[in-house]
Protein backbone atom coordinates (compact mmCIF):
# COMPACT_ATOMS: atom_id res chain seq x y z
CA MET A 1 -0.82 -2.14 -42.42
CA GLU A 2 -0.48 -4.39 -39.58
CA ILE A 3 -1.14 -3.80 -35.67
CA ASN A 4 2.05 -4.56 -34.61
CA ASP A 5 3.57 -1.66 -36.43
CA LEU A 6 0.94 0.07 -35.28
CA ARG A 7 2.30 -0.67 -32.00
CA ILE A 8 5.98 0.17 -33.10
CA PHE A 9 4.75 3.67 -34.44
CA GLN A 10 3.17 3.98 -30.87
CA THR A 11 6.21 3.60 -28.89
CA VAL A 12 8.48 5.43 -31.03
CA ALA A 13 6.33 8.50 -30.70
CA TYR A 14 6.09 8.19 -27.23
CA GLU A 15 9.79 7.23 -26.46
CA LYS A 16 10.29 9.93 -29.04
CA SER A 17 13.46 8.06 -29.92
CA ILE A 18 13.75 4.69 -32.46
CA SER A 19 16.67 3.63 -29.91
CA LYS A 20 14.45 3.77 -27.08
CA ALA A 21 11.52 1.92 -28.60
CA ALA A 22 13.79 -0.71 -30.04
CA LEU A 23 15.34 -1.10 -26.05
CA LYS A 24 11.37 -1.29 -24.91
CA LEU A 25 9.94 -3.89 -27.45
CA GLY A 26 13.30 -6.11 -27.91
CA TYR A 27 13.77 -5.10 -31.11
CA ALA A 28 16.51 -3.99 -33.70
CA GLN A 29 16.76 -0.50 -34.09
CA SER A 30 16.94 -1.79 -38.27
CA ASN A 31 13.75 -3.17 -37.75
CA ILE A 32 12.05 -0.39 -36.31
CA THR A 33 13.37 1.90 -38.94
CA MET A 34 12.06 -0.34 -41.49
CA ARG A 35 8.68 -0.83 -39.79
CA ILE A 36 8.35 2.84 -39.80
CA LYS A 37 9.04 3.43 -43.23
CA LEU A 38 6.61 1.04 -44.48
CA LEU A 39 3.74 2.44 -42.41
CA GLU A 40 4.79 5.64 -44.06
CA ASN A 41 4.83 4.47 -47.29
CA ASP A 42 1.54 2.53 -46.98
CA LEU A 43 0.36 5.93 -45.74
CA ASN A 44 1.70 8.11 -48.36
CA THR A 45 3.14 10.47 -45.36
CA THR A 46 6.24 11.64 -43.11
CA LEU A 47 5.32 10.14 -39.39
CA PHE A 48 8.56 11.28 -37.91
CA ILE A 49 11.36 14.20 -38.43
CA ARG A 50 14.69 12.54 -37.60
CA ASN A 51 17.57 14.55 -35.98
CA ASN A 52 20.41 14.17 -34.21
CA LYS A 53 18.20 15.13 -30.77
CA GLY A 54 16.04 12.57 -31.42
CA THR A 55 12.64 11.58 -33.37
CA THR A 56 10.29 14.31 -34.07
CA ILE A 57 6.71 13.04 -34.54
CA THR A 58 5.07 15.46 -37.54
CA SER A 59 1.33 16.71 -37.55
CA ASN A 60 0.54 13.67 -39.63
CA GLY A 61 1.93 11.70 -36.82
CA GLU A 62 0.28 13.24 -34.48
CA LYS A 63 -3.09 12.55 -36.41
CA LEU A 64 -2.41 8.96 -36.91
CA LEU A 65 -0.98 8.55 -32.99
CA GLU A 66 -4.37 9.27 -32.27
CA TYR A 67 -6.01 7.03 -34.28
CA THR A 68 -3.52 4.70 -32.85
CA ASP A 69 -3.96 4.79 -29.18
CA LYS A 70 -7.60 4.81 -29.79
CA ILE A 71 -7.69 0.95 -31.94
CA LEU A 72 -5.08 -0.30 -29.74
CA GLU A 73 -7.34 0.11 -26.72
CA LEU A 74 -9.95 -1.22 -28.34
CA ILE A 75 -7.49 -4.16 -29.09
CA ASN A 76 -6.63 -4.52 -25.46
CA LYS A 77 -10.55 -4.47 -24.53
CA ILE A 78 -11.19 -7.71 -27.09
CA ASN A 79 -8.18 -9.59 -25.69
CA ASP A 80 -8.83 -8.85 -22.01
CA GLU A 81 -12.91 -9.86 -23.07
CA PHE A 82 -12.28 -13.14 -25.21
CA LEU A 83 -7.95 -13.92 -23.95
CA PRO A 84 -8.21 -13.50 -20.18
CA SER A 85 -5.80 -16.55 -19.32
CA LYS A 86 -3.62 -14.77 -21.82
CA THR A 87 -3.51 -11.13 -20.32
CA ALA A 88 -3.81 -12.22 -16.47
CA LEU A 89 -2.09 -14.30 -15.04
CA SER A 90 -3.01 -13.48 -11.32
CA PHE A 91 -6.41 -12.43 -9.81
CA LYS A 92 -6.28 -10.19 -6.66
CA ILE A 93 -9.82 -10.33 -4.23
CA GLY A 94 -9.48 -8.02 -1.47
CA ALA A 95 -11.69 -8.57 1.73
CA THR A 96 -11.81 -8.14 5.27
CA GLN A 97 -10.61 -11.52 7.48
CA THR A 98 -13.96 -11.95 8.61
CA ILE A 99 -15.77 -11.86 5.00
CA SER A 100 -12.65 -13.86 3.60
CA ALA A 101 -13.51 -16.79 6.56
CA SER A 102 -17.23 -16.85 5.79
CA ILE A 103 -17.68 -17.16 1.98
CA LEU A 104 -14.14 -17.03 0.40
CA PRO A 105 -12.52 -20.81 1.24
CA LYS A 106 -15.09 -22.49 -1.25
CA LEU A 107 -15.01 -20.11 -3.58
CA PHE A 108 -11.40 -19.91 -4.47
CA SER A 109 -11.77 -24.11 -4.67
CA LEU A 110 -14.29 -23.76 -7.20
CA PHE A 111 -12.82 -20.87 -8.84
CA HIS A 112 -9.38 -22.45 -9.14
CA GLU A 113 -10.64 -26.03 -10.57
CA GLN A 114 -11.87 -23.66 -13.22
CA ASN A 115 -9.15 -21.52 -13.57
CA PRO A 116 -5.77 -23.52 -12.60
CA GLU A 117 -3.66 -21.51 -15.08
CA ILE A 118 -4.78 -18.16 -12.94
CA SER A 119 -3.06 -17.40 -9.70
CA LEU A 120 -5.33 -16.26 -7.03
CA VAL A 121 -4.46 -13.59 -4.64
CA LEU A 122 -6.45 -12.77 -1.63
CA LYS A 123 -5.74 -9.26 0.37
CA THR A 124 -6.68 -9.24 3.31
CA ASP A 125 -6.59 -6.00 5.54
CA LYS A 126 -9.06 -3.41 7.10
CA GLN A 127 -12.07 -2.11 4.93
CA LYS A 128 -10.55 0.91 4.57
CA PHE A 129 -7.50 -0.19 3.15
CA ILE A 130 -8.95 -2.45 0.83
CA PHE A 131 -10.90 0.44 -0.20
CA ASP A 132 -8.27 2.69 -1.22
CA MET A 133 -6.74 -0.72 -3.05
CA ILE A 134 -10.09 -0.55 -5.50
CA ILE A 135 -9.78 3.14 -5.90
CA ASN A 136 -5.72 3.08 -6.49
CA SER A 137 -6.12 -0.31 -9.35
CA GLU A 138 -4.40 -2.49 -6.93
CA LEU A 139 -7.36 -5.37 -6.95
CA ASP A 140 -9.14 -6.68 -9.44
CA GLY A 141 -12.57 -6.83 -6.97
CA ALA A 142 -13.25 -6.57 -2.95
CA PHE A 143 -15.63 -7.51 -1.07
CA VAL A 144 -16.65 -4.72 1.77
CA SER A 145 -19.78 -4.21 3.75
CA GLY A 146 -21.74 -1.51 4.96
CA LYS A 147 -22.42 1.88 2.41
CA PHE A 148 -20.25 3.79 0.35
CA VAL A 149 -20.01 7.08 -1.59
CA SER A 150 -17.12 7.22 -4.51
CA SER A 151 -17.62 8.11 -8.09
CA LYS A 152 -14.39 5.60 -8.80
CA VAL A 153 -16.04 2.16 -7.41
CA LYS A 154 -18.87 0.28 -8.85
CA GLU A 155 -20.53 -1.96 -7.20
CA LEU A 156 -21.38 -5.60 -9.25
CA PHE A 157 -23.83 -7.31 -6.52
CA THR A 158 -24.77 -7.30 -2.89
CA PHE A 159 -25.89 -9.86 -0.38
CA LYS A 160 -26.73 -10.37 3.07
CA GLU A 161 -24.94 -12.44 5.35
CA GLU A 162 -26.82 -13.86 8.55
CA LEU A 163 -25.41 -13.20 11.77
CA ALA A 164 -25.82 -14.52 15.21
CA LEU A 165 -24.77 -13.48 18.67
CA ILE A 166 -22.11 -16.64 19.95
CA SER A 167 -21.56 -17.65 23.02
CA SER A 168 -19.57 -20.77 24.83
CA VAL A 169 -22.11 -20.79 27.30
CA LYS A 170 -26.21 -21.41 27.22
CA ILE A 171 -27.56 -17.62 27.42
CA ASN A 172 -31.37 -17.31 28.90
CA ASP A 173 -32.00 -14.08 27.90
CA ILE A 174 -29.72 -12.36 25.41
CA ASN A 175 -31.95 -9.21 25.86
CA ASN A 176 -30.85 -9.12 29.75
CA LEU A 177 -27.08 -9.39 28.99
CA HIS A 178 -24.08 -8.84 31.30
CA VAL A 179 -21.22 -10.03 30.27
CA PRO A 180 -17.98 -9.05 28.03
CA ILE A 181 -18.12 -8.59 24.49
CA ILE A 182 -15.16 -9.32 21.98
CA ILE A 183 -14.80 -7.27 19.10
CA ASN A 184 -11.84 -6.28 16.64
CA SER A 185 -10.03 -3.65 17.59
CA ASP A 186 -10.90 -1.78 14.32
CA THR A 187 -13.27 0.98 15.33
CA ASN A 188 -14.47 1.15 11.71
CA CYS A 189 -15.32 -2.71 12.02
CA PRO A 190 -18.78 -3.20 10.61
CA TYR A 191 -19.57 -6.43 12.72
CA ARG A 192 -18.39 -3.96 16.00
CA LYS A 193 -20.27 -1.07 14.80
CA LEU A 194 -23.53 -3.61 14.92
CA LEU A 195 -22.77 -5.41 17.78
CA GLN A 196 -22.24 -1.58 19.76
CA LYS A 197 -25.92 -0.40 18.04
CA TRP A 198 -27.58 -3.61 19.22
CA LEU A 199 -26.37 -3.10 22.87
CA LEU A 200 -27.45 0.55 23.01
CA HIS A 201 -30.76 -0.29 21.21
CA ASN A 202 -31.27 -2.63 23.91
CA SER A 203 -29.91 -0.49 26.69
CA LEU A 204 -27.29 -3.16 28.03
CA GLU A 205 -23.77 -2.30 28.91
CA PRO A 206 -21.35 -5.33 28.76
CA THR A 207 -19.21 -5.36 32.16
CA THR A 208 -16.19 -5.40 29.97
CA ILE A 209 -14.57 -4.87 26.40
CA ILE A 210 -12.08 -7.19 24.96
CA GLU A 211 -10.64 -6.22 21.58
CA PHE A 212 -8.43 -8.16 19.32
CA ASP A 213 -7.27 -8.16 16.05
CA SER A 214 -7.78 -11.03 14.22
CA LEU A 215 -11.18 -12.83 13.87
CA GLU A 216 -9.10 -16.10 14.74
CA SER A 217 -8.34 -14.51 18.46
CA ILE A 218 -12.10 -13.37 18.57
CA VAL A 219 -13.05 -17.01 18.05
CA ASN A 220 -10.91 -18.46 20.38
CA GLY A 221 -11.92 -15.59 22.68
CA ILE A 222 -15.17 -16.88 22.67
CA SER A 223 -14.43 -20.54 23.49
CA GLU A 224 -12.08 -19.92 26.00
CA GLY A 225 -15.39 -17.84 27.95
CA LEU A 226 -13.95 -14.82 27.94
CA GLY A 227 -16.79 -13.32 26.33
CA ILE A 228 -19.60 -12.97 23.57
CA SER A 229 -19.66 -11.44 20.21
CA LEU A 230 -21.85 -10.80 16.69
CA LEU A 231 -20.22 -12.88 13.69
CA PRO A 232 -21.61 -14.70 10.72
CA LYS A 233 -23.21 -18.11 10.87
CA SER A 234 -21.40 -19.26 7.78
CA ILE A 235 -17.94 -19.53 9.93
CA LEU A 236 -18.97 -21.49 12.91
CA HIS A 237 -21.38 -24.19 11.42
CA LYS A 238 -18.82 -26.54 11.94
CA ASN A 239 -17.97 -25.38 15.74
CA LYS A 240 -20.20 -27.36 17.71
CA ASN A 241 -18.75 -26.15 20.81
CA LEU A 242 -20.25 -22.55 20.34
CA PHE A 243 -23.93 -21.25 20.55
CA MET A 244 -25.72 -18.95 18.49
CA TYR A 245 -28.45 -16.97 19.25
CA ASP A 246 -30.01 -14.96 16.53
CA LEU A 247 -31.15 -11.09 16.92
CA LYS A 248 -33.78 -9.33 15.72
CA ASP A 249 -34.92 -6.48 13.07
CA LYS A 250 -31.49 -4.85 11.41
CA PHE A 251 -29.06 -6.67 13.62
CA ASN A 252 -29.64 -10.33 12.16
CA LYS A 253 -27.97 -9.50 9.19
CA LEU A 254 -25.13 -7.57 7.25
CA GLU A 255 -24.72 -6.45 3.27
CA ILE A 256 -21.98 -7.54 1.81
CA ARG A 257 -20.89 -5.87 -1.93
CA PHE A 258 -18.62 -6.62 -4.27
CA ILE A 259 -17.08 -3.46 -5.92
CA VAL A 260 -15.20 -3.05 -8.48
CA ASN A 261 -13.09 -0.05 -9.95
CA LYS A 262 -15.31 2.15 -12.25
CA ASP A 263 -12.82 2.85 -14.82
CA LEU A 264 -11.63 -0.88 -15.49
CA GLN A 265 -12.71 -2.76 -17.67
CA ILE A 266 -14.66 -5.80 -16.85
CA ASN A 267 -12.89 -8.59 -18.56
CA ALA A 268 -13.83 -12.51 -18.88
CA LEU A 269 -12.13 -13.34 -16.15
CA THR A 270 -14.22 -11.15 -13.86
CA LYS A 271 -17.18 -12.02 -15.02
CA SER A 272 -16.55 -15.71 -14.42
CA PHE A 273 -15.75 -14.83 -10.84
CA VAL A 274 -19.19 -13.09 -10.07
CA ASN A 275 -20.54 -15.64 -12.08
CA LEU A 276 -19.57 -18.26 -9.71
CA THR A 277 -19.91 -16.34 -6.59
CA LEU A 278 -23.79 -15.95 -7.19
CA ARG A 279 -24.12 -19.50 -7.62
CA VAL A 280 -21.70 -20.33 -4.55
CA LEU A 281 -24.30 -17.66 -2.87
CA THR A 282 -27.78 -18.70 -4.15
CA ASP A 283 -26.95 -22.69 -3.87
CA ILE A 284 -24.09 -24.02 -1.53
CA ARG A 285 -24.82 -21.03 1.52
CA VAL A 286 -28.27 -20.64 0.81
CA ASP A 287 -28.75 -21.44 4.81
CA THR A 288 -26.84 -18.15 5.58
CA VAL A 289 -26.86 -15.87 2.73
CA SER A 290 -30.10 -13.94 1.32
CA CYS A 291 -31.63 -11.35 -0.71
CA VAL A 292 -28.79 -11.60 -3.45
CA LYS A 293 -28.53 -8.78 -6.08
CA TYR A 294 -27.03 -8.47 -9.31
CA ASN A 295 -26.05 -5.16 -10.97
CA LYS A 296 -25.25 -5.63 -14.41
């Protein structure tokens, strides 16, 4: 009995037709018939009843199908674990624009060096849609912020990224601000929510609220003197024209979580990405990232 014979048997069982199975597998019908016959001889039983309406599985065939499903599922898991380059041609990660800009450029560069045969795909969108893509198994993993509740999602690790109030001019007293604020137009944006909480906590009211739908527009708006915003320090270190002001207590850090679909097998490629990310966070970005936590 060979593994390939079980795959052929499984396909015939679900297609309920030798001709359809042959077409799906790319084999000649005679080859399919021969392999099924050999399997029946090996097991000394009849697996299918053939008639003009197609192929009907027998009771013993149903028993074998139950075992076959389990065996082939296990084989697939083994392949995913030890042969990632053979089974995964692409690796899809989701994140918001701000998270993407803060940690992913360096990470993706290193990951590509280690896995040049893998196509890296970055999906940037609002956090709600990123979360939905994880639940629908459209992504291998995603970086999200804040708390979430879902039985379909598993958190692999978390880290806290340091934030700062960003301005194009020096501010003498950040606790006595009366200037425009620049925020993301997405009302669920975690940076927007945290900035609004900070303003409320300090009983501050901005003179104007300016909304942009992209990180680039927000940074450009700050550079042009339109207002201030709350952003990760890591995306602004190279911009010498902007000033950063540290906030206190619960407003100076935002927890970022790397999540996966709970029902998906965590293969070697995902583990490699996670381990690399942890090294990047703890070694390269130690100045802007703290409190890394890994849930195995």
